[in-house]
Amino acid sequence: MEQDTPEVDRTARTIAENVFAAYMRQAEGGRHPQSEQTLVTRLVEAIRPEVPGGTPRDIIDAANGALDAWEQLQGGGGGPRVTALNRADGSVGLSTT
């Protein structure tokens, strides 16, 4: 079934999952399964429009915007942000603000 998923969706999902994993490794607080699903979905929704023609900076900005919105809803802020993206494999680098 994964082969039916368009490449842009797979790429956005891979980047979003990598952002989430790196974010959770650096952010304070626990990991809740419902929160994980919601944040990954929001990251995918933010990143996907930038994947086809956006620059790495566009994708980084979209991911960071989703993290900003997420933290505001959670009543927190100032967590790590994406600072680097390798489009070839979807890997990301984060640093604390």
Protein backbone atom coordinates (compact mmCIF):
# COMPACT_ATOMS: atom_id res chain seq x y z
CA MET A 1 0.00 0.00 0.00
CA GLU A 2 2.91 2.35 0.62
CA GLN A 3 3.72 2.24 -3.09
CA ASP A 4 0.36 3.94 -3.74
CA THR A 5 1.46 6.96 -1.70
CA PRO A 6 2.75 9.83 -3.86
CA GLU A 7 6.45 10.61 -3.49
CA VAL A 8 5.76 14.11 -2.15
CA ASP A 9 3.66 12.61 0.66
CA ARG A 10 6.34 10.06 1.56
CA THR A 11 9.01 12.76 1.58
CA ALA A 12 6.93 15.10 3.75
CA ARG A 13 6.13 12.25 6.15
CA THR A 14 9.79 11.21 6.42
CA ILE A 15 10.93 14.75 7.16
CA ALA A 16 8.08 15.27 9.66
CA GLU A 17 8.91 12.05 11.50
CA ASN A 18 12.58 13.01 11.63
CA VAL A 19 11.71 16.48 12.95
CA PHE A 20 9.45 14.93 15.58
CA ALA A 21 12.05 12.37 16.70
CA ALA A 22 14.80 14.98 16.97
CA TYR A 23 12.46 17.42 18.71
CA MET A 24 11.44 14.85 21.32
CA ARG A 25 15.05 13.91 22.00
CA GLN A 26 15.85 17.55 22.85
CA ALA A 27 12.58 18.90 24.23
CA GLU A 28 11.63 18.71 27.86
CA GLY A 29 8.60 16.67 28.83
CA GLY A 30 7.27 13.24 28.15
CA ARG A 31 6.12 11.55 25.02
CA HIS A 32 2.41 10.92 24.72
CA PRO A 33 1.14 8.76 21.80
CA GLN A 34 -1.81 11.06 21.02
CA SER A 35 0.47 14.10 21.04
CA GLU A 36 2.90 12.30 18.78
CA GLN A 37 0.27 11.57 16.15
CA THR A 38 -1.11 15.11 16.28
CA LEU A 39 2.27 16.81 16.02
CA VAL A 40 3.50 14.57 13.20
CA THR A 41 0.27 15.24 11.29
CA ARG A 42 0.69 19.00 11.74
CA LEU A 43 4.29 18.80 10.63
CA VAL A 44 3.33 16.83 7.51
CA GLU A 45 0.58 19.35 6.70
CA ALA A 46 3.02 22.24 7.04
CA ILE A 47 5.90 20.61 5.16
CA ARG A 48 4.03 18.96 2.28
CA PRO A 49 3.26 22.14 0.28
CA GLU A 50 6.96 23.06 0.35
CA VAL A 51 8.32 19.69 -0.80
CA PRO A 52 7.72 19.87 -4.55
CA GLY A 53 9.42 23.19 -5.27
CA GLY A 54 10.48 24.71 -1.98
CA THR A 55 14.03 25.21 -0.87
CA PRO A 56 15.40 23.52 2.23
CA ARG A 57 14.91 26.89 4.00
CA ASP A 58 11.22 26.87 3.01
CA ILE A 59 10.78 23.39 4.50
CA ILE A 60 12.72 24.34 7.64
CA ASP A 61 10.55 27.46 8.09
CA ALA A 62 7.36 25.41 7.62
CA ALA A 63 8.49 22.83 10.19
CA ASN A 64 9.47 25.51 12.68
CA GLY A 65 6.14 27.27 12.17
CA ALA A 66 4.34 24.02 13.02
CA LEU A 67 6.52 23.60 16.13
CA ASP A 68 5.76 27.21 17.17
CA ALA A 69 2.01 26.64 16.82
CA TRP A 70 2.23 23.31 18.66
CA GLU A 71 4.09 24.83 21.60
CA GLN A 72 1.61 27.70 21.85
CA LEU A 73 -1.26 25.22 22.07
CA GLN A 74 0.62 23.25 24.71
CA GLY A 75 1.30 26.38 26.74
CA GLY A 76 5.04 26.16 26.29
CA GLY A 77 7.66 27.56 24.01
CA GLY A 78 11.29 27.95 23.28
CA GLY A 79 11.98 24.34 22.37
CA PRO A 80 14.49 23.21 19.78
CA ARG A 81 14.06 24.30 16.18
CA VAL A 82 15.12 22.84 12.86
CA THR A 83 18.35 24.42 11.65
CA ALA A 84 19.41 22.00 8.91
CA LEU A 85 17.76 19.67 6.40
CA ASN A 86 19.18 17.06 4.06
CA ARG A 87 16.54 16.68 1.35
CA ALA A 88 18.21 13.56 -0.01
CA ASP A 89 17.36 11.45 3.04
CA GLY A 90 15.06 13.72 5.07
CA SER A 91 17.44 13.99 7.99
CA VAL A 92 17.33 17.15 10.08
CA GLY A 93 19.42 19.01 12.60
CA LEU A 94 17.91 20.89 15.51
CA SER A 95 19.28 23.33 18.02
CA THR A 96 17.79 24.98 21.05
CA THR A 97 16.69 28.57 20.73
